[in-house]
Amino acid sequence: MRFRQLREWQLALPLALAFTALFLAPLLLLVGVSFYNDDKISQPGFASWLKFYGDPFNYKVIGDTLLLGVKTVCTTVLIGYPLALVYLDLSARLQKVLLFIIVMPLLLSVVVRTFAWIVVLGHEGVVNSVLMSLGVISEPLKLLQTELGLVISLTQIEMPLMLLPLISVMSRLDPNLRDASAALGASRWRTLFTVTLPLSMPGLVAGCLLVFASSTTAFISQTVIGGVRLIYLPLVIWQQSLVVYHWPLAAVASLSLVVSVLSVVAALSWVGRRSGGYIHG
């Protein structure tokens, strides 16, 4: 038994070393660099932390970054959950087709998908052209460099991260449960909220975690679609590290982003565990 445990520990050792080298070591390096006062990293101190958190503007940037993630999660849930329900009612062949459509955007670079949204949301883009041809609007809408346009593009970009775990969980649900609920006189809406939604909560929470973590750190999409008018933490980190070359301040901003995102992720994980406990308890 002891020999078997030793072998299992040895199998896990390469992954542990890779995790330490690729995640913990850079994180510890960021922590160390943040405790310097100047950009030359020569005077240890707390000046960078005091400078970052002494500026009220940075609190607004942190709030806007987290709020962007929340808005993206809400839109992906509103669109993705009905699409997952449609997936359950399709035939096996159509399910494969829909699954391929969901996975296909992941085969393209996020840079390509982001620049494609410039064509869609631009002043003479697809959205404005269609709306003006239908007579809905008289002049083009400004969608680029706005939070609305950024949320729309992030919703499409992050949608596979919501649908894949959600469909994976919902596909394993026993269809007899919905039939039993209908046989007992429950409406489709009541079956949805009392049977399907609680049982699919683990997949929904997992999708929310992935979408939130990805959208709040989506530097390319935030920069290309949002432009310089919308300031989020990834842009602040880039400016401080590669424009101003103030590495201690960039390290403080990076750690603030990590802690903020992980706090929300931990809260969502707690909700997922509580919902799972209610389902199984």
C-alpha atoms as a PDB file:
ATOM      1  CA  MET A   1       0.000   0.000   0.000  1.00  0.00           C
ATOM      2  CA  ARG A   2       2.835   2.352   0.915  1.00  0.00           C
ATOM      3  CA  PHE A   3       4.643   1.542  -2.353  1.00  0.00           C
ATOM      4  CA  ARG A   4       1.461   2.320  -4.288  1.00  0.00           C
ATOM      5  CA  GLN A   5       1.070   5.720  -2.596  1.00  0.00           C
ATOM      6  CA  LEU A   6       4.692   6.497  -3.407  1.00  0.00           C
ATOM      7  CA  ARG A   7       4.127   5.702  -7.071  1.00  0.00           C
ATOM      8  CA  GLU A   8       1.040   7.955  -7.182  1.00  0.00           C
ATOM      9  CA  TRP A   9       3.043  10.773  -5.601  1.00  0.00           C
ATOM     10  CA  GLN A  10       5.768  10.328  -8.207  1.00  0.00           C
ATOM     11  CA  LEU A  11       3.214  10.514 -11.005  1.00  0.00           C
ATOM     12  CA  ALA A  12       1.889  13.810  -9.635  1.00  0.00           C
ATOM     13  CA  LEU A  13       5.382  15.290  -9.191  1.00  0.00           C
ATOM     14  CA  PRO A  14       5.886  16.500 -12.821  1.00  0.00           C
ATOM     15  CA  LEU A  15       2.562  18.332 -12.782  1.00  0.00           C
ATOM     16  CA  ALA A  16       3.382  19.878  -9.398  1.00  0.00           C
ATOM     17  CA  LEU A  17       6.782  21.055 -10.644  1.00  0.00           C
ATOM     18  CA  ALA A  18       5.256  22.492 -13.823  1.00  0.00           C
ATOM     19  CA  PHE A  19       2.577  24.309 -11.791  1.00  0.00           C
ATOM     20  CA  THR A  20       5.243  25.729  -9.486  1.00  0.00           C
ATOM     21  CA  ALA A  21       7.427  26.880 -12.354  1.00  0.00           C
ATOM     22  CA  LEU A  22       4.669  28.362 -14.528  1.00  0.00           C
ATOM     23  CA  PHE A  23       2.370  29.890 -11.907  1.00  0.00           C
ATOM     24  CA  LEU A  24       3.679  30.111  -8.368  1.00  0.00           C
ATOM     25  CA  ALA A  25       7.198  31.291  -9.261  1.00  0.00           C
ATOM     26  CA  PRO A  26       6.014  34.259 -11.432  1.00  0.00           C
ATOM     27  CA  LEU A  27       3.381  35.102  -8.822  1.00  0.00           C
ATOM     28  CA  LEU A  28       5.992  35.201  -6.054  1.00  0.00           C
ATOM     29  CA  LEU A  29       8.202  37.306  -8.316  1.00  0.00           C
ATOM     30  CA  LEU A  30       5.352  39.788  -8.773  1.00  0.00           C
ATOM     31  CA  VAL A  31       4.863  39.969  -5.022  1.00  0.00           C
ATOM     32  CA  GLY A  32       8.568  40.676  -4.535  1.00  0.00           C
ATOM     33  CA  VAL A  33       8.739  43.335  -7.261  1.00  0.00           C
ATOM     34  CA  SER A  34       5.646  45.124  -5.905  1.00  0.00           C
ATOM     35  CA  PHE A  35       7.479  45.993  -2.687  1.00  0.00           C
ATOM     36  CA  TYR A  36       9.824  48.483  -4.319  1.00  0.00           C
ATOM     37  CA  ASN A  37       9.401  52.227  -4.387  1.00  0.00           C
ATOM     38  CA  ASP A  38      10.862  53.133  -7.781  1.00  0.00           C
ATOM     39  CA  ASP A  39      10.884  51.868 -11.338  1.00  0.00           C
ATOM     40  CA  LYS A  40      14.579  50.988 -11.078  1.00  0.00           C
ATOM     41  CA  ILE A  41      13.740  48.370  -8.402  1.00  0.00           C
ATOM     42  CA  SER A  42      16.441  49.652  -6.077  1.00  0.00           C
ATOM     43  CA  GLN A  43      14.589  50.942  -3.012  1.00  0.00           C
ATOM     44  CA  PRO A  44      12.389  48.457  -1.114  1.00  0.00           C
ATOM     45  CA  GLY A  45       9.222  49.857   0.421  1.00  0.00           C
ATOM     46  CA  PHE A  46       5.454  50.216   0.220  1.00  0.00           C
ATOM     47  CA  ALA A  47       5.342  53.313  -1.986  1.00  0.00           C
ATOM     48  CA  SER A  48       3.931  51.455  -5.009  1.00  0.00           C
ATOM     49  CA  TRP A  49       1.075  49.981  -2.969  1.00  0.00           C
ATOM     50  CA  LEU A  50       0.318  53.356  -1.377  1.00  0.00           C
ATOM     51  CA  LYS A  51       0.428  55.075  -4.774  1.00  0.00           C
ATOM     52  CA  PHE A  52      -1.886  52.572  -6.434  1.00  0.00           C
ATOM     53  CA  TYR A  53      -4.488  52.375  -3.657  1.00  0.00           C
ATOM     54  CA  GLY A  54      -4.154  56.048  -2.820  1.00  0.00           C
ATOM     55  CA  ASP A  55      -5.597  56.982  -6.210  1.00  0.00           C
ATOM     56  CA  PRO A  56      -9.436  56.763  -6.306  1.00  0.00           C
ATOM     57  CA  PHE A  57      -9.256  56.267 -10.080  1.00  0.00           C
ATOM     58  CA  ASN A  58      -7.781  52.797  -9.586  1.00  0.00           C
ATOM     59  CA  TYR A  59     -10.772  51.747  -7.471  1.00  0.00           C
ATOM     60  CA  LYS A  60     -13.026  52.736 -10.356  1.00  0.00           C
ATOM     61  CA  VAL A  61     -10.867  50.722 -12.760  1.00  0.00           C
ATOM     62  CA  ILE A  62     -11.107  47.637 -10.532  1.00  0.00           C
ATOM     63  CA  GLY A  63     -14.880  48.049 -10.241  1.00  0.00           C
ATOM     64  CA  ASP A  64     -15.306  48.532 -13.998  1.00  0.00           C
ATOM     65  CA  THR A  65     -13.206  45.442 -14.692  1.00  0.00           C
ATOM     66  CA  LEU A  66     -15.269  43.246 -12.374  1.00  0.00           C
ATOM     67  CA  LEU A  67     -18.518  44.768 -13.656  1.00  0.00           C
ATOM     68  CA  LEU A  68     -17.492  43.961 -17.228  1.00  0.00           C
ATOM     69  CA  GLY A  69     -17.075  40.320 -16.222  1.00  0.00           C
ATOM     70  CA  VAL A  70     -20.466  40.280 -14.505  1.00  0.00           C
ATOM     71  CA  LYS A  71     -22.227  41.794 -17.535  1.00  0.00           C
ATOM     72  CA  THR A  72     -20.554  39.313 -19.877  1.00  0.00           C
ATOM     73  CA  VAL A  73     -21.567  36.410 -17.646  1.00  0.00           C
ATOM     74  CA  CYS A  74     -25.182  37.604 -17.546  1.00  0.00           C
ATOM     75  CA  THR A  75     -25.452  37.935 -21.327  1.00  0.00           C
ATOM     76  CA  THR A  76     -23.811  34.560 -21.976  1.00  0.00           C
ATOM     77  CA  VAL A  77     -26.197  32.908 -19.494  1.00  0.00           C
ATOM     78  CA  LEU A  78     -29.253  34.554 -21.050  1.00  0.00           C
ATOM     79  CA  ILE A  79     -28.252  33.361 -24.523  1.00  0.00           C
ATOM     80  CA  GLY A  80     -26.373  30.170 -23.673  1.00  0.00           C
ATOM     81  CA  TYR A  81     -28.867  28.469 -21.352  1.00  0.00           C
ATOM     82  CA  PRO A  82     -31.775  28.493 -23.861  1.00  0.00           C
ATOM     83  CA  LEU A  83     -29.340  27.254 -26.504  1.00  0.00           C
ATOM     84  CA  ALA A  84     -28.346  24.381 -24.197  1.00  0.00           C
ATOM     85  CA  LEU A  85     -32.037  23.511 -23.758  1.00  0.00           C
ATOM     86  CA  VAL A  86     -32.453  23.460 -27.537  1.00  0.00           C
ATOM     87  CA  TYR A  87     -29.434  21.142 -27.734  1.00  0.00           C
ATOM     88  CA  LEU A  88     -31.158  18.629 -25.436  1.00  0.00           C
ATOM     89  CA  ASP A  89     -34.240  18.420 -27.666  1.00  0.00           C
ATOM     90  CA  LEU A  90     -32.312  17.911 -30.910  1.00  0.00           C
ATOM     91  CA  SER A  91     -31.600  14.587 -32.554  1.00  0.00           C
ATOM     92  CA  ALA A  92     -28.170  13.010 -32.147  1.00  0.00           C
ATOM     93  CA  ARG A  93     -27.078  14.148 -35.627  1.00  0.00           C
ATOM     94  CA  LEU A  94     -28.160  17.744 -35.095  1.00  0.00           C
ATOM     95  CA  GLN A  95     -26.506  17.740 -31.670  1.00  0.00           C
ATOM     96  CA  LYS A  96     -23.194  16.930 -33.342  1.00  0.00           C
ATOM     97  CA  VAL A  97     -23.704  19.765 -35.821  1.00  0.00           C
ATOM     98  CA  LEU A  98     -24.539  22.255 -33.076  1.00  0.00           C
ATOM     99  CA  LEU A  99     -21.598  21.088 -30.975  1.00  0.00           C
ATOM    100  CA  PHE A 100     -19.288  21.610 -33.951  1.00  0.00           C
ATOM    101  CA  ILE A 101     -20.644  25.148 -34.403  1.00  0.00           C
ATOM    102  CA  ILE A 102     -20.017  25.849 -30.707  1.00  0.00           C
ATOM    103  CA  VAL A 103     -16.457  24.519 -30.763  1.00  0.00           C
ATOM    104  CA  MET A 104     -15.510  26.025 -34.148  1.00  0.00           C
ATOM    105  CA  PRO A 105     -14.764  29.568 -32.813  1.00  0.00           C
ATOM    106  CA  LEU A 106     -12.179  28.058 -30.462  1.00  0.00           C
ATOM    107  CA  LEU A 107     -10.216  26.928 -33.520  1.00  0.00           C
ATOM    108  CA  LEU A 108      -9.674  30.571 -34.506  1.00  0.00           C
ATOM    109  CA  SER A 109      -7.353  32.995 -32.771  1.00  0.00           C
ATOM    110  CA  VAL A 110      -9.028  35.416 -30.394  1.00  0.00           C
ATOM    111  CA  VAL A 111      -7.266  38.198 -32.302  1.00  0.00           C
ATOM    112  CA  VAL A 112      -9.037  37.180 -35.527  1.00  0.00           C
ATOM    113  CA  ARG A 113     -12.412  36.960 -33.785  1.00  0.00           C
ATOM    114  CA  THR A 114     -11.909  40.328 -32.119  1.00  0.00           C
ATOM    115  CA  PHE A 115     -10.955  42.136 -35.341  1.00  0.00           C
ATOM    116  CA  ALA A 116     -13.937  40.518 -37.058  1.00  0.00           C
ATOM    117  CA  TRP A 117     -16.171  42.355 -34.611  1.00  0.00           C
ATOM    118  CA  ILE A 118     -14.757  45.661 -35.873  1.00  0.00           C
ATOM    119  CA  VAL A 119     -16.306  44.841 -39.239  1.00  0.00           C
ATOM    120  CA  VAL A 120     -19.595  43.900 -37.570  1.00  0.00           C
ATOM    121  CA  LEU A 121     -19.842  46.815 -35.116  1.00  0.00           C
ATOM    122  CA  GLY A 122     -18.140  49.523 -37.169  1.00  0.00           C
ATOM    123  CA  HIS A 123     -19.703  52.780 -38.336  1.00  0.00           C
ATOM    124  CA  GLU A 124     -20.512  51.163 -41.682  1.00  0.00           C
ATOM    125  CA  GLY A 125     -20.541  47.625 -40.316  1.00  0.00           C
ATOM    126  CA  VAL A 126     -23.066  44.843 -40.637  1.00  0.00           C
ATOM    127  CA  VAL A 127     -25.205  45.871 -37.637  1.00  0.00           C
ATOM    128  CA  ASN A 128     -25.594  49.506 -38.686  1.00  0.00           C
ATOM    129  CA  SER A 129     -26.146  48.588 -42.335  1.00  0.00           C
ATOM    130  CA  VAL A 130     -28.942  46.151 -41.490  1.00  0.00           C
ATOM    131  CA  LEU A 131     -30.641  48.504 -39.035  1.00  0.00           C
ATOM    132  CA  MET A 132     -30.512  51.437 -41.443  1.00  0.00           C
ATOM    133  CA  SER A 133     -31.789  49.336 -44.353  1.00  0.00           C
ATOM    134  CA  LEU A 134     -34.752  48.250 -42.209  1.00  0.00           C
ATOM    135  CA  GLY A 135     -35.441  51.854 -41.232  1.00  0.00           C
ATOM    136  CA  VAL A 136     -34.922  51.190 -37.522  1.00  0.00           C
ATOM    137  CA  ILE A 137     -32.302  53.951 -37.214  1.00  0.00           C
ATOM    138  CA  SER A 138     -31.649  57.070 -39.292  1.00  0.00           C
ATOM    139  CA  GLU A 139     -27.931  57.354 -38.539  1.00  0.00           C
ATOM    140  CA  PRO A 140     -25.288  54.787 -37.578  1.00  0.00           C
ATOM    141  CA  LEU A 141     -24.988  53.794 -33.940  1.00  0.00           C
ATOM    142  CA  LYS A 142     -21.660  54.172 -32.176  1.00  0.00           C
ATOM    143  CA  LEU A 143     -20.859  50.651 -31.020  1.00  0.00           C
ATOM    144  CA  LEU A 144     -17.081  50.592 -31.172  1.00  0.00           C
ATOM    145  CA  GLN A 145     -15.222  52.005 -28.162  1.00  0.00           C
ATOM    146  CA  THR A 146     -18.322  51.548 -26.037  1.00  0.00           C
ATOM    147  CA  GLU A 147     -19.049  49.135 -23.236  1.00  0.00           C
ATOM    148  CA  LEU A 148     -22.118  47.853 -25.085  1.00  0.00           C
ATOM    149  CA  GLY A 149     -20.059  46.865 -28.111  1.00  0.00           C
ATOM    150  CA  LEU A 150     -17.413  45.281 -25.891  1.00  0.00           C
ATOM    151  CA  VAL A 151     -19.983  43.193 -24.012  1.00  0.00           C
ATOM    152  CA  ILE A 152     -21.567  42.077 -27.310  1.00  0.00           C
ATOM    153  CA  SER A 153     -18.227  40.944 -28.724  1.00  0.00           C
ATOM    154  CA  LEU A 154     -17.129  39.268 -25.486  1.00  0.00           C
ATOM    155  CA  THR A 155     -20.446  37.410 -25.314  1.00  0.00           C
ATOM    156  CA  GLN A 156     -19.758  35.748 -28.654  1.00  0.00           C
ATOM    157  CA  ILE A 157     -16.076  35.178 -27.916  1.00  0.00           C
ATOM    158  CA  GLU A 158     -16.701  33.609 -24.487  1.00  0.00           C
ATOM    159  CA  MET A 159     -19.874  31.708 -25.404  1.00  0.00           C
ATOM    160  CA  PRO A 160     -18.107  28.325 -25.949  1.00  0.00           C
ATOM    161  CA  LEU A 161     -16.699  28.535 -22.410  1.00  0.00           C
ATOM    162  CA  MET A 162     -20.262  28.770 -21.112  1.00  0.00           C
ATOM    163  CA  LEU A 163     -21.889  26.198 -23.368  1.00  0.00           C
ATOM    164  CA  LEU A 164     -19.362  23.359 -23.196  1.00  0.00           C
ATOM    165  CA  PRO A 165     -19.538  22.703 -19.414  1.00  0.00           C
ATOM    166  CA  LEU A 166     -23.265  23.453 -19.382  1.00  0.00           C
ATOM    167  CA  ILE A 167     -24.049  21.002 -22.187  1.00  0.00           C
ATOM    168  CA  SER A 168     -21.739  18.409 -20.637  1.00  0.00           C
ATOM    169  CA  VAL A 169     -23.739  18.444 -17.399  1.00  0.00           C
ATOM    170  CA  MET A 170     -27.183  18.737 -18.985  1.00  0.00           C
ATOM    171  CA  SER A 171     -26.489  15.839 -21.371  1.00  0.00           C
ATOM    172  CA  ARG A 172     -26.084  13.525 -18.383  1.00  0.00           C
ATOM    173  CA  LEU A 173     -29.464  14.456 -16.872  1.00  0.00           C
ATOM    174  CA  ASP A 174     -32.043  11.690 -16.852  1.00  0.00           C
ATOM    175  CA  PRO A 175     -34.771  12.706 -19.350  1.00  0.00           C
ATOM    176  CA  ASN A 176     -37.266  10.656 -17.356  1.00  0.00           C
ATOM    177  CA  LEU A 177     -37.146  13.316 -14.652  1.00  0.00           C
ATOM    178  CA  ARG A 178     -38.690  15.901 -16.951  1.00  0.00           C
ATOM    179  CA  ASP A 179     -41.264  13.388 -18.131  1.00  0.00           C
ATOM    180  CA  ALA A 180     -42.124  12.542 -14.530  1.00  0.00           C
ATOM    181  CA  SER A 181     -42.504  16.228 -13.686  1.00  0.00           C
ATOM    182  CA  ALA A 182     -44.855  16.720 -16.647  1.00  0.00           C
ATOM    183  CA  ALA A 183     -46.805  13.589 -15.685  1.00  0.00           C
ATOM    184  CA  LEU A 184     -47.350  15.049 -12.213  1.00  0.00           C
ATOM    185  CA  GLY A 185     -48.951  18.124 -13.738  1.00  0.00           C
ATOM    186  CA  ALA A 186     -46.022  20.561 -13.735  1.00  0.00           C
ATOM    187  CA  SER A 187     -45.832  23.044 -16.582  1.00  0.00           C
ATOM    188  CA  ARG A 188     -42.749  23.355 -18.784  1.00  0.00           C
ATOM    189  CA  TRP A 189     -41.685  26.494 -16.925  1.00  0.00           C
ATOM    190  CA  ARG A 190     -42.124  24.881 -13.527  1.00  0.00           C
ATOM    191  CA  THR A 191     -40.183  21.817 -14.683  1.00  0.00           C
ATOM    192  CA  LEU A 192     -37.429  24.105 -15.923  1.00  0.00           C
ATOM    193  CA  PHE A 193     -37.051  25.990 -12.632  1.00  0.00           C
ATOM    194  CA  THR A 194     -37.609  23.082 -10.238  1.00  0.00           C
ATOM    195  CA  VAL A 195     -35.936  20.186 -12.056  1.00  0.00           C
ATOM    196  CA  THR A 196     -33.682  21.154 -14.959  1.00  0.00           C
ATOM    197  CA  LEU A 197     -32.130  24.340 -13.566  1.00  0.00           C
ATOM    198  CA  PRO A 198     -31.136  22.932 -10.127  1.00  0.00           C
ATOM    199  CA  LEU A 199     -29.654  19.784 -11.653  1.00  0.00           C
ATOM    200  CA  SER A 200     -27.707  21.755 -14.265  1.00  0.00           C
ATOM    201  CA  MET A 201     -26.364  24.249 -11.712  1.00  0.00           C
ATOM    202  CA  PRO A 202     -22.841  22.706 -11.517  1.00  0.00           C
ATOM    203  CA  GLY A 203     -22.365  23.165 -15.270  1.00  0.00           C
ATOM    204  CA  LEU A 204     -23.840  26.667 -15.138  1.00  0.00           C
ATOM    205  CA  VAL A 205     -21.519  27.708 -12.311  1.00  0.00           C
ATOM    206  CA  ALA A 206     -18.509  26.219 -14.106  1.00  0.00           C
ATOM    207  CA  GLY A 207     -19.393  28.179 -17.236  1.00  0.00           C
ATOM    208  CA  CYS A 208     -19.798  31.380 -15.234  1.00  0.00           C
ATOM    209  CA  LEU A 209     -16.377  30.857 -13.664  1.00  0.00           C
ATOM    210  CA  LEU A 210     -14.677  30.410 -17.027  1.00  0.00           C
ATOM    211  CA  VAL A 211     -16.476  33.326 -18.693  1.00  0.00           C
ATOM    212  CA  PHE A 212     -15.851  35.729 -15.799  1.00  0.00           C
ATOM    213  CA  ALA A 213     -12.156  34.882 -15.470  1.00  0.00           C
ATOM    214  CA  SER A 214     -11.620  35.094 -19.230  1.00  0.00           C
ATOM    215  CA  SER A 215     -13.590  38.289 -19.917  1.00  0.00           C
ATOM    216  CA  THR A 216     -12.015  40.303 -17.087  1.00  0.00           C
ATOM    217  CA  THR A 217      -8.535  39.471 -18.392  1.00  0.00           C
ATOM    218  CA  ALA A 218      -9.320  39.760 -22.130  1.00  0.00           C
ATOM    219  CA  PHE A 219      -6.719  42.420 -22.889  1.00  0.00           C
ATOM    220  CA  ILE A 220      -6.941  42.121 -26.689  1.00  0.00           C
ATOM    221  CA  SER A 221     -10.730  42.446 -26.856  1.00  0.00           C
ATOM    222  CA  GLN A 222     -10.802  45.222 -24.279  1.00  0.00           C
ATOM    223  CA  THR A 223      -8.149  47.183 -26.181  1.00  0.00           C
ATOM    224  CA  VAL A 224      -9.333  46.619 -29.749  1.00  0.00           C
ATOM    225  CA  ILE A 225     -13.097  46.957 -29.185  1.00  0.00           C
ATOM    226  CA  GLY A 226     -13.051  49.215 -26.139  1.00  0.00           C
ATOM    227  CA  GLY A 227     -10.177  51.416 -27.263  1.00  0.00           C
ATOM    228  CA  VAL A 228      -8.461  53.876 -24.956  1.00  0.00           C
ATOM    229  CA  ARG A 229     -11.757  55.324 -23.764  1.00  0.00           C
ATOM    230  CA  LEU A 230     -12.503  52.265 -21.638  1.00  0.00           C
ATOM    231  CA  ILE A 231      -9.853  51.658 -18.990  1.00  0.00           C
ATOM    232  CA  TYR A 232      -9.625  48.220 -17.378  1.00  0.00           C
ATOM    233  CA  LEU A 233      -6.947  46.607 -15.236  1.00  0.00           C
ATOM    234  CA  PRO A 234      -5.224  44.675 -18.078  1.00  0.00           C
ATOM    235  CA  LEU A 235      -4.693  47.971 -19.922  1.00  0.00           C
ATOM    236  CA  VAL A 236      -3.316  49.614 -16.767  1.00  0.00           C
ATOM    237  CA  ILE A 237      -0.894  46.704 -16.328  1.00  0.00           C
ATOM    238  CA  TRP A 238       0.258  47.014 -19.954  1.00  0.00           C
ATOM    239  CA  GLN A 239       0.742  50.779 -19.687  1.00  0.00           C
ATOM    240  CA  GLN A 240       2.716  50.591 -16.452  1.00  0.00           C
ATOM    241  CA  SER A 241       4.927  47.715 -17.600  1.00  0.00           C
ATOM    242  CA  LEU A 242       5.583  48.456 -21.301  1.00  0.00           C
ATOM    243  CA  VAL A 243       4.885  52.189 -21.679  1.00  0.00           C
ATOM    244  CA  VAL A 244       5.887  53.824 -18.389  1.00  0.00           C
ATOM    245  CA  TYR A 245       8.205  50.952 -17.368  1.00  0.00           C
ATOM    246  CA  HIS A 246       7.142  51.244 -13.741  1.00  0.00           C
ATOM    247  CA  TRP A 247       7.380  47.535 -12.899  1.00  0.00           C
ATOM    248  CA  PRO A 248       6.520  47.789  -9.175  1.00  0.00           C
ATOM    249  CA  LEU A 249       3.273  49.620  -9.948  1.00  0.00           C
ATOM    250  CA  ALA A 250       2.496  47.130 -12.729  1.00  0.00           C
ATOM    251  CA  ALA A 251       3.077  44.301 -10.239  1.00  0.00           C
ATOM    252  CA  VAL A 252       0.644  45.886  -7.764  1.00  0.00           C
ATOM    253  CA  ALA A 253      -1.979  46.233 -10.510  1.00  0.00           C
ATOM    254  CA  SER A 254      -1.404  42.607 -11.576  1.00  0.00           C
ATOM    255  CA  LEU A 255      -1.802  41.301  -8.044  1.00  0.00           C
ATOM    256  CA  SER A 256      -4.935  43.417  -7.621  1.00  0.00           C
ATOM    257  CA  LEU A 257      -6.389  41.829 -10.757  1.00  0.00           C
ATOM    258  CA  VAL A 258      -5.514  38.317  -9.550  1.00  0.00           C
ATOM    259  CA  VAL A 259      -6.987  38.860  -6.089  1.00  0.00           C
ATOM    260  CA  SER A 260     -10.144  40.565  -7.409  1.00  0.00           C
ATOM    261  CA  VAL A 261     -10.880  37.864  -9.979  1.00  0.00           C
ATOM    262  CA  LEU A 262     -10.079  35.011  -7.584  1.00  0.00           C
ATOM    263  CA  SER A 263     -12.382  36.541  -4.955  1.00  0.00           C
ATOM    264  CA  VAL A 264     -15.344  36.502  -7.334  1.00  0.00           C
ATOM    265  CA  VAL A 265     -14.376  33.029  -8.585  1.00  0.00           C
ATOM    266  CA  ALA A 266     -14.261  31.770  -4.980  1.00  0.00           C
ATOM    267  CA  ALA A 267     -17.709  33.257  -4.337  1.00  0.00           C
ATOM    268  CA  LEU A 268     -19.123  31.558  -7.443  1.00  0.00           C
ATOM    269  CA  SER A 269     -17.503  28.268  -6.422  1.00  0.00           C
ATOM    270  CA  TRP A 270     -19.120  28.582  -2.996  1.00  0.00           C
ATOM    271  CA  VAL A 271     -22.506  29.118  -4.654  1.00  0.00           C
ATOM    272  CA  GLY A 272     -21.902  26.053  -6.798  1.00  0.00           C
ATOM    273  CA  ARG A 273     -21.038  23.912  -3.766  1.00  0.00           C
ATOM    274  CA  ARG A 274     -24.083  25.139  -1.874  1.00  0.00           C
ATOM    275  CA  SER A 275     -26.366  24.422  -4.813  1.00  0.00           C
ATOM    276  CA  GLY A 276     -24.801  20.979  -5.200  1.00  0.00           C
ATOM    277  CA  GLY A 277     -25.361  20.331  -1.529  1.00  0.00           C
ATOM    278  CA  TYR A 278     -29.031  21.240  -1.805  1.00  0.00           C
ATOM    279  CA  ILE A 279     -29.429  18.955  -4.806  1.00  0.00           C
ATOM    280  CA  HIS A 280     -27.787  15.938  -3.200  1.00  0.00           C
ATOM    281  CA  GLY A 281     -28.983  16.660   0.322  1.00  0.00           C
END
